[in-house]
Amino acid sequence: MLYDEDFLSRLGSGVRELAPAWGLSAEAQLRLLTISENATFLFDDPSDGRKLIVRVHRPDYHTEAEILSELAWIEALRADGVVATPKPVAAADGRLLQRFSDDASLRHAVAFEHMAGREPDAEADMVKWYGTLGEINARLHAHSRGWTRPAGFVRKTWDFDRILGKGAHWGDWRAALGLTADGRAILERLHALLERQTAAYGHGADRFGLVHCDMRAANLLVEGDRLGVIDFDDCGLSWFAYDFAAAVSFIEHEPSVPELMEAWLEGYRRTAPLAAEQAAALPMFIMLRRMQLTAWIASHAETPTAQALGTAYTDGTVALAERYLSREG
C-alpha cells in the first residue's frame, strides 16, 4: 500500500526539511490535509501567521517537465485574470519545484499560497456555484485556445486510450473492486460504445485542448461571492466538455446532476458560445469519467476516497451503464 503510515511519516519529515527554503520559521506547524493522487500538507507558521500548502507528488506519475508545465499554465491564468487560484510559491533559490530524498528515491514538492474558503456543499446553493463554474470553464477554454505554450510544455493527454484504453493512466477498469462477471459484460459493452462515440465526436481544436480536468467540489473554494479553483495536477489535453464530467466526479448517480448540468451550460453560454453538439455530448463524457474513476478506485485503493466508496461505486457504475446503454446502445 503506497500511502501507509510509514510512507506518510517519511514524506512529512521531508517536507519539514524544506520549510526554511520557503522562508518558514522553526515554529511552523505541519499537518497532512489530504491523500489522493498526491499527499498534500499545510504549514501554519505562528511567527507571522503565514500558511502554505505543500503538495508532494505521487511517485512515478508526473515528470518534472509535466509539473513545471502545470505551474506555467497556472501562472499564465493568474496573470491574465482568468480564474482565482493560489499562486505557486518559489523557494529562496527561485525554484518552484523542490526535491527531497526518501529511501534513496527522489520526491517532488510544490508550494502554493493558502486560499481561504470552503468546499460547496449541500447546504450551499450548488446550482448557483455550478453556474459560476460554467463561466470559469468558458474563460479557461478560451485561454487554452489562445495561449502560446512555452517551449518544453508537456502535459498528459486524456483521450479515450489514456482514459479507458490500453494506455489508461489510472489502470484497467476490469480490476474494479467487486466487479462480477455479469457486471463486466455490461461494462465491456459500454467500453465499446464509448470508444465509438468518442471517435465520432473527434478531437478538433474547437473541442479538444488544455483543460483543468478535475473541477469537482473538493477542488473548489467558496468565500463570499468568489469561487476559487485549486489543484491543476490533472490538467492536460482532453475534450473541453470533459471538464463538466470531471466536475461531477463521484456524484454521477445523484439526481441533482441534470440540474447542475443545466446551470453549468447556462453559465458557460453567458461567457462564450458552446455548440449544441458539445452540450449534447455531456452525458457521454459523464459515463467516460465514471468508468475512469472506477479504475482509479481500484488502482488507488489506499486513499480515503477509494476506501469510502469501495465496491458500491462499482455496482453504481454498472447500474449507470445499463441505463446509458438502454438509451444509447
C-alpha atoms as a PDB file:
ATOM      1  CA  MET A   1       0.000   0.000   0.000  1.00  0.00           C
ATOM      2  CA  LEU A   2       1.561   3.292  -1.124  1.00  0.00           C
ATOM      3  CA  TYR A   3       0.319   5.836   1.417  1.00  0.00           C
ATOM      4  CA  ASP A   4       0.772   3.773   4.541  1.00  0.00           C
ATOM      5  CA  GLU A   5       1.630   5.366   7.884  1.00  0.00           C
ATOM      6  CA  ASP A   6       5.375   4.865   7.480  1.00  0.00           C
ATOM      7  CA  PHE A   7       5.465   6.395   4.000  1.00  0.00           C
ATOM      8  CA  LEU A   8       3.403   9.408   5.089  1.00  0.00           C
ATOM      9  CA  SER A   9       5.686   9.916   8.087  1.00  0.00           C
ATOM     10  CA  ARG A  10       8.721   9.955   5.808  1.00  0.00           C
ATOM     11  CA  LEU A  11       7.029  12.407   3.454  1.00  0.00           C
ATOM     12  CA  GLY A  12       6.214  14.683   6.382  1.00  0.00           C
ATOM     13  CA  SER A  13       9.831  14.614   7.520  1.00  0.00           C
ATOM     14  CA  GLY A  14      10.995  15.514   4.030  1.00  0.00           C
ATOM     15  CA  VAL A  15       8.565  18.417   3.804  1.00  0.00           C
ATOM     16  CA  ARG A  16       9.651  19.754   7.203  1.00  0.00           C
ATOM     17  CA  GLU A  17      13.247  19.806   5.983  1.00  0.00           C
ATOM     18  CA  LEU A  18      12.152  22.101   3.139  1.00  0.00           C
ATOM     19  CA  ALA A  19      10.468  24.637   5.437  1.00  0.00           C
ATOM     20  CA  PRO A  20      13.457  27.052   5.580  1.00  0.00           C
ATOM     21  CA  ALA A  21      13.640  27.059   1.770  1.00  0.00           C
ATOM     22  CA  TRP A  22      10.174  28.660   1.690  1.00  0.00           C
ATOM     23  CA  GLY A  23      11.070  31.143   4.427  1.00  0.00           C
ATOM     24  CA  LEU A  24       9.119  29.419   7.186  1.00  0.00           C
ATOM     25  CA  SER A  25      10.273  29.663  10.786  1.00  0.00           C
ATOM     26  CA  ALA A  26      11.286  26.819  13.052  1.00  0.00           C
ATOM     27  CA  GLU A  27       7.902  27.187  14.803  1.00  0.00           C
ATOM     28  CA  ALA A  28       5.914  26.358  11.660  1.00  0.00           C
ATOM     29  CA  GLN A  29       3.473  23.508  12.284  1.00  0.00           C
ATOM     30  CA  LEU A  30       2.856  20.871   9.621  1.00  0.00           C
ATOM     31  CA  ARG A  31      -0.171  18.640   9.185  1.00  0.00           C
ATOM     32  CA  LEU A  32      -1.443  16.308   6.491  1.00  0.00           C
ATOM     33  CA  LEU A  33      -4.534  17.626   4.696  1.00  0.00           C
ATOM     34  CA  THR A  34      -5.419  15.043   2.058  1.00  0.00           C
ATOM     35  CA  ILE A  35      -4.267  11.896   0.316  1.00  0.00           C
ATOM     36  CA  SER A  36      -5.462  11.455  -3.239  1.00  0.00           C
ATOM     37  CA  GLU A  37      -3.184  11.283  -6.249  1.00  0.00           C
ATOM     38  CA  ASN A  38      -0.669  13.153  -4.084  1.00  0.00           C
ATOM     39  CA  ALA A  39      -0.122  13.898  -0.409  1.00  0.00           C
ATOM     40  CA  THR A  40      -1.000  17.488   0.484  1.00  0.00           C
ATOM     41  CA  PHE A  41       0.258  19.209   3.620  1.00  0.00           C
ATOM     42  CA  LEU A  42      -0.440  22.526   5.350  1.00  0.00           C
ATOM     43  CA  PHE A  43       2.240  24.622   7.024  1.00  0.00           C
ATOM     44  CA  ASP A  44       0.940  27.078   9.635  1.00  0.00           C
ATOM     45  CA  ASP A  45       3.630  29.481  10.859  1.00  0.00           C
ATOM     46  CA  PRO A  46       2.633  31.213  14.129  1.00  0.00           C
ATOM     47  CA  SER A  47       5.587  33.604  13.877  1.00  0.00           C
ATOM     48  CA  ASP A  48       3.908  35.621  11.124  1.00  0.00           C
ATOM     49  CA  GLY A  49       0.532  33.928  10.580  1.00  0.00           C
ATOM     50  CA  ARG A  50       1.627  32.623   7.188  1.00  0.00           C
ATOM     51  CA  LYS A  51       0.049  29.471   5.761  1.00  0.00           C
ATOM     52  CA  LEU A  52       1.487  27.442   2.921  1.00  0.00           C
ATOM     53  CA  ILE A  53       0.113  24.430   1.062  1.00  0.00           C
ATOM     54  CA  VAL A  54       2.688  21.831   0.016  1.00  0.00           C
ATOM     55  CA  ARG A  55       1.883  19.113  -2.495  1.00  0.00           C
ATOM     56  CA  VAL A  56       4.161  16.075  -2.577  1.00  0.00           C
ATOM     57  CA  HIS A  57       3.715  14.304  -5.877  1.00  0.00           C
ATOM     58  CA  ARG A  58       2.785  10.665  -6.203  1.00  0.00           C
ATOM     59  CA  PRO A  59       5.863   8.622  -7.139  1.00  0.00           C
ATOM     60  CA  ASP A  60       6.331   7.788 -10.825  1.00  0.00           C
ATOM     61  CA  TYR A  61       3.303   9.740 -12.046  1.00  0.00           C
ATOM     62  CA  HIS A  62       4.266  13.202 -13.351  1.00  0.00           C
ATOM     63  CA  THR A  63       7.699  14.085 -14.684  1.00  0.00           C
ATOM     64  CA  GLU A  64       9.476  17.264 -13.633  1.00  0.00           C
ATOM     65  CA  ALA A  65       8.651  18.784 -17.023  1.00  0.00           C
ATOM     66  CA  GLU A  66       4.952  17.992 -16.541  1.00  0.00           C
ATOM     67  CA  ILE A  67       4.870  19.579 -13.088  1.00  0.00           C
ATOM     68  CA  LEU A  68       6.621  22.731 -14.284  1.00  0.00           C
ATOM     69  CA  SER A  69       4.241  22.920 -17.247  1.00  0.00           C
ATOM     70  CA  GLU A  70       1.247  22.822 -14.906  1.00  0.00           C
ATOM     71  CA  LEU A  71       2.733  25.688 -12.902  1.00  0.00           C
ATOM     72  CA  ALA A  72       3.409  27.670 -16.083  1.00  0.00           C
ATOM     73  CA  TRP A  73      -0.278  27.481 -17.032  1.00  0.00           C
ATOM     74  CA  ILE A  74      -1.380  28.456 -13.520  1.00  0.00           C
ATOM     75  CA  GLU A  75       0.874  31.497 -13.612  1.00  0.00           C
ATOM     76  CA  ALA A  76      -0.460  32.479 -17.046  1.00  0.00           C
ATOM     77  CA  LEU A  77      -4.067  32.109 -15.878  1.00  0.00           C
ATOM     78  CA  ARG A  78      -3.355  34.259 -12.832  1.00  0.00           C
ATOM     79  CA  ALA A  79      -1.542  36.896 -14.878  1.00  0.00           C
ATOM     80  CA  ASP A  80      -4.449  37.101 -17.323  1.00  0.00           C
ATOM     81  CA  GLY A  81      -7.093  37.233 -14.573  1.00  0.00           C
ATOM     82  CA  VAL A  82      -8.886  34.134 -15.862  1.00  0.00           C
ATOM     83  CA  VAL A  83      -9.539  32.355 -12.570  1.00  0.00           C
ATOM     84  CA  ALA A  84      -8.955  32.796  -8.841  1.00  0.00           C
ATOM     85  CA  THR A  85      -6.370  30.154  -7.993  1.00  0.00           C
ATOM     86  CA  PRO A  86      -3.485  30.018  -5.495  1.00  0.00           C
ATOM     87  CA  LYS A  87      -0.093  31.344  -6.508  1.00  0.00           C
ATOM     88  CA  PRO A  88       2.774  28.848  -6.771  1.00  0.00           C
ATOM     89  CA  VAL A  89       5.476  29.829  -4.278  1.00  0.00           C
ATOM     90  CA  ALA A  90       9.137  29.737  -5.222  1.00  0.00           C
ATOM     91  CA  ALA A  91      11.788  28.822  -2.675  1.00  0.00           C
ATOM     92  CA  ALA A  92      14.719  31.046  -1.769  1.00  0.00           C
ATOM     93  CA  ASP A  93      16.674  29.606  -4.701  1.00  0.00           C
ATOM     94  CA  GLY A  94      13.969  30.845  -7.090  1.00  0.00           C
ATOM     95  CA  ARG A  95      12.796  27.355  -7.982  1.00  0.00           C
ATOM     96  CA  LEU A  96       9.140  26.362  -7.911  1.00  0.00           C
ATOM     97  CA  LEU A  97       9.890  22.642  -7.853  1.00  0.00           C
ATOM     98  CA  GLN A  98      11.677  21.313  -4.788  1.00  0.00           C
ATOM     99  CA  ARG A  99      13.043  17.842  -4.140  1.00  0.00           C
ATOM    100  CA  PHE A 100      13.902  15.682  -1.159  1.00  0.00           C
ATOM    101  CA  SER A 101      15.186  12.139  -0.773  1.00  0.00           C
ATOM    102  CA  ASP A 102      13.126   9.326   0.655  1.00  0.00           C
ATOM    103  CA  ASP A 103      14.764   5.907   0.979  1.00  0.00           C
ATOM    104  CA  ALA A 104      17.117   6.709  -1.917  1.00  0.00           C
ATOM    105  CA  SER A 105      14.168   7.871  -4.049  1.00  0.00           C
ATOM    106  CA  LEU A 106      13.581  11.453  -5.089  1.00  0.00           C
ATOM    107  CA  ARG A 107      10.286  13.139  -4.204  1.00  0.00           C
ATOM    108  CA  HIS A 108       8.957  16.288  -5.836  1.00  0.00           C
ATOM    109  CA  ALA A 109       7.232  19.010  -3.824  1.00  0.00           C
ATOM    110  CA  VAL A 110       5.498  22.232  -4.841  1.00  0.00           C
ATOM    111  CA  ALA A 111       4.229  25.015  -2.551  1.00  0.00           C
ATOM    112  CA  PHE A 112       1.192  27.261  -3.035  1.00  0.00           C
ATOM    113  CA  GLU A 113      -0.206  30.223  -1.177  1.00  0.00           C
ATOM    114  CA  HIS A 114      -3.091  29.228   1.068  1.00  0.00           C
ATOM    115  CA  MET A 115      -6.535  30.126  -0.301  1.00  0.00           C
ATOM    116  CA  ALA A 116      -9.310  30.698   2.210  1.00  0.00           C
ATOM    117  CA  GLY A 117     -12.750  29.239   1.656  1.00  0.00           C
ATOM    118  CA  ARG A 118     -14.867  26.141   1.947  1.00  0.00           C
ATOM    119  CA  GLU A 119     -15.989  23.442  -0.422  1.00  0.00           C
ATOM    120  CA  PRO A 120     -19.501  23.949  -1.866  1.00  0.00           C
ATOM    121  CA  ASP A 121     -21.851  21.543  -0.128  1.00  0.00           C
ATOM    122  CA  ALA A 122     -25.463  20.502   0.093  1.00  0.00           C
ATOM    123  CA  GLU A 123     -26.308  23.458   2.296  1.00  0.00           C
ATOM    124  CA  ALA A 124     -24.817  25.900  -0.183  1.00  0.00           C
ATOM    125  CA  ASP A 125     -26.530  26.792  -3.423  1.00  0.00           C
ATOM    126  CA  MET A 126     -24.831  24.161  -5.584  1.00  0.00           C
ATOM    127  CA  VAL A 127     -26.777  25.152  -8.679  1.00  0.00           C
ATOM    128  CA  LYS A 128     -25.551  28.736  -8.312  1.00  0.00           C
ATOM    129  CA  TRP A 129     -21.922  27.673  -7.956  1.00  0.00           C
ATOM    130  CA  TYR A 130     -22.073  25.293 -10.914  1.00  0.00           C
ATOM    131  CA  GLY A 131     -23.384  28.194 -12.966  1.00  0.00           C
ATOM    132  CA  THR A 132     -20.344  30.180 -11.870  1.00  0.00           C
ATOM    133  CA  LEU A 133     -18.174  27.165 -12.651  1.00  0.00           C
ATOM    134  CA  GLY A 134     -19.562  27.153 -16.203  1.00  0.00           C
ATOM    135  CA  GLU A 135     -18.426  30.763 -16.586  1.00  0.00           C
ATOM    136  CA  ILE A 136     -14.972  29.856 -15.278  1.00  0.00           C
ATOM    137  CA  ASN A 137     -14.734  26.891 -17.645  1.00  0.00           C
ATOM    138  CA  ALA A 138     -15.654  29.076 -20.609  1.00  0.00           C
ATOM    139  CA  ARG A 139     -12.854  31.508 -19.711  1.00  0.00           C
ATOM    140  CA  LEU A 140     -10.376  28.689 -19.175  1.00  0.00           C
ATOM    141  CA  HIS A 141     -11.199  27.106 -22.520  1.00  0.00           C
ATOM    142  CA  ALA A 142     -10.878  30.430 -24.326  1.00  0.00           C
ATOM    143  CA  HIS A 143      -7.495  30.937 -22.680  1.00  0.00           C
ATOM    144  CA  SER A 144      -6.459  27.415 -23.618  1.00  0.00           C
ATOM    145  CA  ARG A 145      -7.261  28.039 -27.280  1.00  0.00           C
ATOM    146  CA  GLY A 146      -5.379  31.335 -27.410  1.00  0.00           C
ATOM    147  CA  TRP A 147      -2.402  30.722 -25.111  1.00  0.00           C
ATOM    148  CA  THR A 148       1.016  30.148 -26.653  1.00  0.00           C
ATOM    149  CA  ARG A 149       2.511  27.366 -24.580  1.00  0.00           C
ATOM    150  CA  PRO A 150       6.150  27.886 -23.553  1.00  0.00           C
ATOM    151  CA  ALA A 151       8.938  25.784 -25.009  1.00  0.00           C
ATOM    152  CA  GLY A 152       9.138  22.379 -23.376  1.00  0.00           C
ATOM    153  CA  PHE A 153       5.494  22.438 -22.245  1.00  0.00           C
ATOM    154  CA  VAL A 154       4.189  18.909 -21.755  1.00  0.00           C
ATOM    155  CA  ARG A 155       1.118  17.541 -20.020  1.00  0.00           C
ATOM    156  CA  LYS A 156      -0.633  14.193 -20.159  1.00  0.00           C
ATOM    157  CA  THR A 157      -3.245  13.543 -22.820  1.00  0.00           C
ATOM    158  CA  TRP A 158      -6.661  12.345 -21.660  1.00  0.00           C
ATOM    159  CA  ASP A 159      -8.160  10.803 -24.778  1.00  0.00           C
ATOM    160  CA  PHE A 160     -10.059   7.522 -24.926  1.00  0.00           C
ATOM    161  CA  ASP A 161      -6.929   5.378 -24.949  1.00  0.00           C
ATOM    162  CA  ARG A 162      -5.424   7.159 -21.923  1.00  0.00           C
ATOM    163  CA  ILE A 163      -8.729   7.203 -20.045  1.00  0.00           C
ATOM    164  CA  LEU A 164     -10.020   3.669 -20.665  1.00  0.00           C
ATOM    165  CA  GLY A 165      -7.875   2.017 -23.322  1.00  0.00           C
ATOM    166  CA  LYS A 166      -4.612   0.101 -23.227  1.00  0.00           C
ATOM    167  CA  GLY A 167      -2.695   3.257 -22.292  1.00  0.00           C
ATOM    168  CA  ALA A 168      -5.019   4.228 -19.401  1.00  0.00           C
ATOM    169  CA  HIS A 169      -3.121   6.363 -16.881  1.00  0.00           C
ATOM    170  CA  TRP A 170      -5.231   5.138 -13.945  1.00  0.00           C
ATOM    171  CA  GLY A 171      -5.318   1.458 -14.733  1.00  0.00           C
ATOM    172  CA  ASP A 172      -7.808  -1.042 -16.151  1.00  0.00           C
ATOM    173  CA  TRP A 173     -11.458  -0.721 -15.127  1.00  0.00           C
ATOM    174  CA  ARG A 174     -11.658  -4.529 -15.330  1.00  0.00           C
ATOM    175  CA  ALA A 175      -9.779  -4.589 -11.998  1.00  0.00           C
ATOM    176  CA  ALA A 176     -12.692  -2.722 -10.382  1.00  0.00           C
ATOM    177  CA  LEU A 177     -13.445  -3.672  -6.800  1.00  0.00           C
ATOM    178  CA  GLY A 178     -16.187  -6.298  -6.580  1.00  0.00           C
ATOM    179  CA  LEU A 179     -16.840  -6.446 -10.318  1.00  0.00           C
ATOM    180  CA  THR A 180     -18.898  -9.522 -11.191  1.00  0.00           C
ATOM    181  CA  ALA A 181     -18.885 -11.444 -14.465  1.00  0.00           C
ATOM    182  CA  ASP A 182     -22.295 -10.000 -15.362  1.00  0.00           C
ATOM    183  CA  GLY A 183     -21.119  -6.508 -14.477  1.00  0.00           C
ATOM    184  CA  ARG A 184     -18.017  -6.901 -16.586  1.00  0.00           C
ATOM    185  CA  ALA A 185     -20.095  -7.943 -19.586  1.00  0.00           C
ATOM    186  CA  ILE A 186     -22.197  -4.794 -19.255  1.00  0.00           C
ATOM    187  CA  LEU A 187     -19.139  -2.570 -18.879  1.00  0.00           C
ATOM    188  CA  GLU A 188     -17.466  -4.233 -21.887  1.00  0.00           C
ATOM    189  CA  ARG A 189     -20.463  -3.156 -23.972  1.00  0.00           C
ATOM    190  CA  LEU A 190     -20.237   0.346 -22.564  1.00  0.00           C
ATOM    191  CA  HIS A 191     -16.483   0.469 -23.218  1.00  0.00           C
ATOM    192  CA  ALA A 192     -17.016  -0.418 -26.871  1.00  0.00           C
ATOM    193  CA  LEU A 193     -19.847   2.110 -27.264  1.00  0.00           C
ATOM    194  CA  LEU A 194     -17.867   4.942 -25.671  1.00  0.00           C
ATOM    195  CA  GLU A 195     -14.904   4.155 -27.888  1.00  0.00           C
ATOM    196  CA  ARG A 196     -17.101   4.519 -30.978  1.00  0.00           C
ATOM    197  CA  GLN A 197     -18.829   7.640 -29.679  1.00  0.00           C
ATOM    198  CA  THR A 198     -15.663   9.493 -28.728  1.00  0.00           C
ATOM    199  CA  ALA A 199     -14.084   8.626 -32.075  1.00  0.00           C
ATOM    200  CA  ALA A 200     -17.122  10.028 -33.870  1.00  0.00           C
ATOM    201  CA  TYR A 201     -17.082  13.141 -31.675  1.00  0.00           C
ATOM    202  CA  GLY A 202     -13.494  13.796 -32.693  1.00  0.00           C
ATOM    203  CA  HIS A 203     -10.552  15.834 -31.440  1.00  0.00           C
ATOM    204  CA  GLY A 204     -10.869  19.095 -33.364  1.00  0.00           C
ATOM    205  CA  ALA A 205      -9.387  22.307 -31.968  1.00  0.00           C
ATOM    206  CA  ASP A 206     -12.899  23.587 -31.218  1.00  0.00           C
ATOM    207  CA  ARG A 207     -13.483  20.743 -28.733  1.00  0.00           C
ATOM    208  CA  PHE A 208     -10.127  19.361 -27.592  1.00  0.00           C
ATOM    209  CA  GLY A 209      -7.352  21.244 -25.819  1.00  0.00           C
ATOM    210  CA  LEU A 210      -5.762  22.074 -22.476  1.00  0.00           C
ATOM    211  CA  VAL A 211      -8.285  21.652 -19.631  1.00  0.00           C
ATOM    212  CA  HIS A 212      -8.291  21.511 -15.823  1.00  0.00           C
ATOM    213  CA  CYS A 213      -9.858  18.031 -15.825  1.00  0.00           C
ATOM    214  CA  ASP A 214     -10.723  17.855 -12.105  1.00  0.00           C
ATOM    215  CA  MET A 215     -13.054  20.695 -11.077  1.00  0.00           C
ATOM    216  CA  ARG A 216     -15.074  18.593  -8.651  1.00  0.00           C
ATOM    217  CA  ALA A 217     -16.405  20.213  -5.482  1.00  0.00           C
ATOM    218  CA  ALA A 218     -13.338  19.143  -3.466  1.00  0.00           C
ATOM    219  CA  ASN A 219     -11.230  21.400  -5.700  1.00  0.00           C
ATOM    220  CA  LEU A 220     -13.478  24.458  -5.379  1.00  0.00           C
ATOM    221  CA  LEU A 221     -13.301  27.042  -2.598  1.00  0.00           C
ATOM    222  CA  VAL A 222     -16.150  29.432  -1.866  1.00  0.00           C
ATOM    223  CA  GLU A 223     -15.590  32.658   0.047  1.00  0.00           C
ATOM    224  CA  GLY A 224     -18.309  35.274  -0.251  1.00  0.00           C
ATOM    225  CA  ASP A 225     -19.064  35.690  -3.950  1.00  0.00           C
ATOM    226  CA  ARG A 226     -15.743  34.222  -5.050  1.00  0.00           C
ATOM    227  CA  LEU A 227     -15.372  30.704  -6.408  1.00  0.00           C
ATOM    228  CA  GLY A 228     -11.725  29.701  -6.309  1.00  0.00           C
ATOM    229  CA  VAL A 229     -10.266  26.725  -8.176  1.00  0.00           C
ATOM    230  CA  ILE A 230      -7.376  24.653  -6.844  1.00  0.00           C
ATOM    231  CA  ASP A 231      -5.412  21.557  -7.855  1.00  0.00           C
ATOM    232  CA  PHE A 232      -4.418  21.674 -11.526  1.00  0.00           C
ATOM    233  CA  ASP A 233      -2.478  18.431 -11.030  1.00  0.00           C
ATOM    234  CA  ASP A 234      -4.588  16.544 -13.606  1.00  0.00           C
ATOM    235  CA  CYS A 235      -4.675  19.333 -16.187  1.00  0.00           C
ATOM    236  CA  GLY A 236      -3.901  18.065 -19.647  1.00  0.00           C
ATOM    237  CA  LEU A 237      -5.117  17.719 -23.195  1.00  0.00           C
ATOM    238  CA  SER A 238      -8.687  16.485 -23.387  1.00  0.00           C
ATOM    239  CA  TRP A 239     -12.164  17.403 -24.536  1.00  0.00           C
ATOM    240  CA  PHE A 240     -13.413  20.754 -23.241  1.00  0.00           C
ATOM    241  CA  ALA A 241     -16.747  19.141 -22.387  1.00  0.00           C
ATOM    242  CA  TYR A 242     -14.890  16.612 -20.216  1.00  0.00           C
ATOM    243  CA  ASP A 243     -14.388  19.422 -17.691  1.00  0.00           C
ATOM    244  CA  PHE A 244     -18.061  19.164 -16.722  1.00  0.00           C
ATOM    245  CA  ALA A 245     -17.879  15.383 -16.398  1.00  0.00           C
ATOM    246  CA  ALA A 246     -14.912  15.804 -14.063  1.00  0.00           C
ATOM    247  CA  ALA A 247     -16.867  18.422 -12.094  1.00  0.00           C
ATOM    248  CA  VAL A 248     -19.443  15.780 -11.094  1.00  0.00           C
ATOM    249  CA  SER A 249     -16.855  13.149 -10.190  1.00  0.00           C
ATOM    250  CA  PHE A 250     -18.149  10.602  -7.686  1.00  0.00           C
ATOM    251  CA  ILE A 251     -21.702  12.045  -7.760  1.00  0.00           C
ATOM    252  CA  GLU A 252     -22.618  10.985 -11.314  1.00  0.00           C
ATOM    253  CA  HIS A 253     -25.556   8.975  -9.978  1.00  0.00           C
ATOM    254  CA  GLU A 254     -27.096  11.790  -7.924  1.00  0.00           C
ATOM    255  CA  PRO A 255     -30.499  13.116  -9.050  1.00  0.00           C
ATOM    256  CA  SER A 256     -29.135  16.678  -8.898  1.00  0.00           C
ATOM    257  CA  VAL A 257     -26.710  16.140 -11.820  1.00  0.00           C
ATOM    258  CA  PRO A 258     -29.138  17.198 -14.606  1.00  0.00           C
ATOM    259  CA  GLU A 259     -29.828  20.461 -12.757  1.00  0.00           C
ATOM    260  CA  LEU A 260     -26.109  21.043 -12.200  1.00  0.00           C
ATOM    261  CA  MET A 261     -25.506  20.366 -15.893  1.00  0.00           C
ATOM    262  CA  GLU A 262     -28.112  22.886 -16.949  1.00  0.00           C
ATOM    263  CA  ALA A 263     -26.649  25.509 -14.610  1.00  0.00           C
ATOM    264  CA  TRP A 264     -23.143  24.824 -15.940  1.00  0.00           C
ATOM    265  CA  LEU A 265     -24.327  25.178 -19.550  1.00  0.00           C
ATOM    266  CA  GLU A 266     -26.142  28.424 -18.775  1.00  0.00           C
ATOM    267  CA  GLY A 267     -23.066  29.818 -17.061  1.00  0.00           C
ATOM    268  CA  TYR A 268     -20.821  28.743 -19.894  1.00  0.00           C
ATOM    269  CA  ARG A 269     -23.035  30.350 -22.517  1.00  0.00           C
ATOM    270  CA  ARG A 270     -23.181  33.597 -20.560  1.00  0.00           C
ATOM    271  CA  THR A 271     -19.458  33.861 -21.266  1.00  0.00           C
ATOM    272  CA  ALA A 272     -18.866  32.055 -24.568  1.00  0.00           C
ATOM    273  CA  PRO A 273     -20.807  30.070 -27.152  1.00  0.00           C
ATOM    274  CA  LEU A 274     -20.990  26.313 -26.841  1.00  0.00           C
ATOM    275  CA  ALA A 275     -22.186  24.288 -29.800  1.00  0.00           C
ATOM    276  CA  ALA A 276     -25.274  22.128 -29.334  1.00  0.00           C
ATOM    277  CA  GLU A 277     -23.239  19.066 -30.343  1.00  0.00           C
ATOM    278  CA  GLN A 278     -20.810  19.664 -27.487  1.00  0.00           C
ATOM    279  CA  ALA A 279     -23.608  20.210 -24.958  1.00  0.00           C
ATOM    280  CA  ALA A 280     -25.304  17.020 -26.118  1.00  0.00           C
ATOM    281  CA  ALA A 281     -22.071  15.089 -25.525  1.00  0.00           C
ATOM    282  CA  LEU A 282     -22.013  15.769 -21.774  1.00  0.00           C
ATOM    283  CA  PRO A 283     -23.818  12.527 -20.778  1.00  0.00           C
ATOM    284  CA  MET A 284     -21.304  10.543 -22.850  1.00  0.00           C
ATOM    285  CA  PHE A 285     -18.398  12.184 -21.053  1.00  0.00           C
ATOM    286  CA  ILE A 286     -20.030  11.633 -17.672  1.00  0.00           C
ATOM    287  CA  MET A 287     -20.072   7.894 -18.372  1.00  0.00           C
ATOM    288  CA  LEU A 288     -16.488   8.004 -19.639  1.00  0.00           C
ATOM    289  CA  ARG A 289     -15.418   9.716 -16.424  1.00  0.00           C
ATOM    290  CA  ARG A 290     -17.409   7.282 -14.282  1.00  0.00           C
ATOM    291  CA  MET A 291     -15.599   4.373 -15.915  1.00  0.00           C
ATOM    292  CA  GLN A 292     -12.253   6.101 -15.399  1.00  0.00           C
ATOM    293  CA  LEU A 293     -12.934   6.696 -11.720  1.00  0.00           C
ATOM    294  CA  THR A 294     -13.989   3.072 -11.290  1.00  0.00           C
ATOM    295  CA  ALA A 295     -10.490   2.143 -12.459  1.00  0.00           C
ATOM    296  CA  TRP A 296      -8.936   4.865 -10.266  1.00  0.00           C
ATOM    297  CA  ILE A 297     -10.544   3.461  -7.121  1.00  0.00           C
ATOM    298  CA  ALA A 298      -9.003   0.051  -7.841  1.00  0.00           C
ATOM    299  CA  SER A 299      -5.533   1.459  -8.545  1.00  0.00           C
ATOM    300  CA  HIS A 300      -5.609   3.909  -5.609  1.00  0.00           C
ATOM    301  CA  ALA A 301      -7.214   1.619  -3.049  1.00  0.00           C
ATOM    302  CA  GLU A 302      -5.131   3.093  -0.203  1.00  0.00           C
ATOM    303  CA  THR A 303      -6.750   6.540  -0.477  1.00  0.00           C
ATOM    304  CA  PRO A 304      -9.578   7.576   1.854  1.00  0.00           C
ATOM    305  CA  THR A 305     -11.832   8.306  -1.144  1.00  0.00           C
ATOM    306  CA  ALA A 306     -11.380   4.831  -2.592  1.00  0.00           C
ATOM    307  CA  GLN A 307     -11.876   3.182   0.784  1.00  0.00           C
ATOM    308  CA  ALA A 308     -15.069   5.136   1.414  1.00  0.00           C
ATOM    309  CA  LEU A 309     -16.588   4.275  -1.980  1.00  0.00           C
ATOM    310  CA  GLY A 310     -15.336   0.708  -2.449  1.00  0.00           C
ATOM    311  CA  THR A 311     -17.425  -1.908  -4.235  1.00  0.00           C
ATOM    312  CA  ALA A 312     -20.597   0.180  -4.036  1.00  0.00           C
ATOM    313  CA  TYR A 313     -19.112   2.566  -6.582  1.00  0.00           C
ATOM    314  CA  THR A 314     -18.504  -0.333  -8.972  1.00  0.00           C
ATOM    315  CA  ASP A 315     -22.107  -1.508  -8.536  1.00  0.00           C
ATOM    316  CA  GLY A 316     -23.292   2.018  -9.245  1.00  0.00           C
ATOM    317  CA  THR A 317     -21.189   2.192 -12.394  1.00  0.00           C
ATOM    318  CA  VAL A 318     -22.803  -0.984 -13.697  1.00  0.00           C
ATOM    319  CA  ALA A 319     -26.282   0.401 -12.943  1.00  0.00           C
ATOM    320  CA  LEU A 320     -25.490   3.689 -14.736  1.00  0.00           C
ATOM    321  CA  ALA A 321     -24.033   1.747 -17.652  1.00  0.00           C
ATOM    322  CA  GLU A 322     -27.222  -0.304 -18.050  1.00  0.00           C
ATOM    323  CA  ARG A 323     -29.286   2.878 -18.101  1.00  0.00           C
ATOM    324  CA  TYR A 324     -26.975   4.563 -20.612  1.00  0.00           C
ATOM    325  CA  LEU A 325     -26.885   1.503 -22.871  1.00  0.00           C
ATOM    326  CA  SER A 326     -30.669   1.316 -22.864  1.00  0.00           C
ATOM    327  CA  ARG A 327     -30.768   4.875 -24.253  1.00  0.00           C
ATOM    328  CA  GLU A 328     -27.716   4.885 -26.498  1.00  0.00           C
ATOM    329  CA  GLY A 329     -26.807   1.296 -27.253  1.00  0.00           C
END
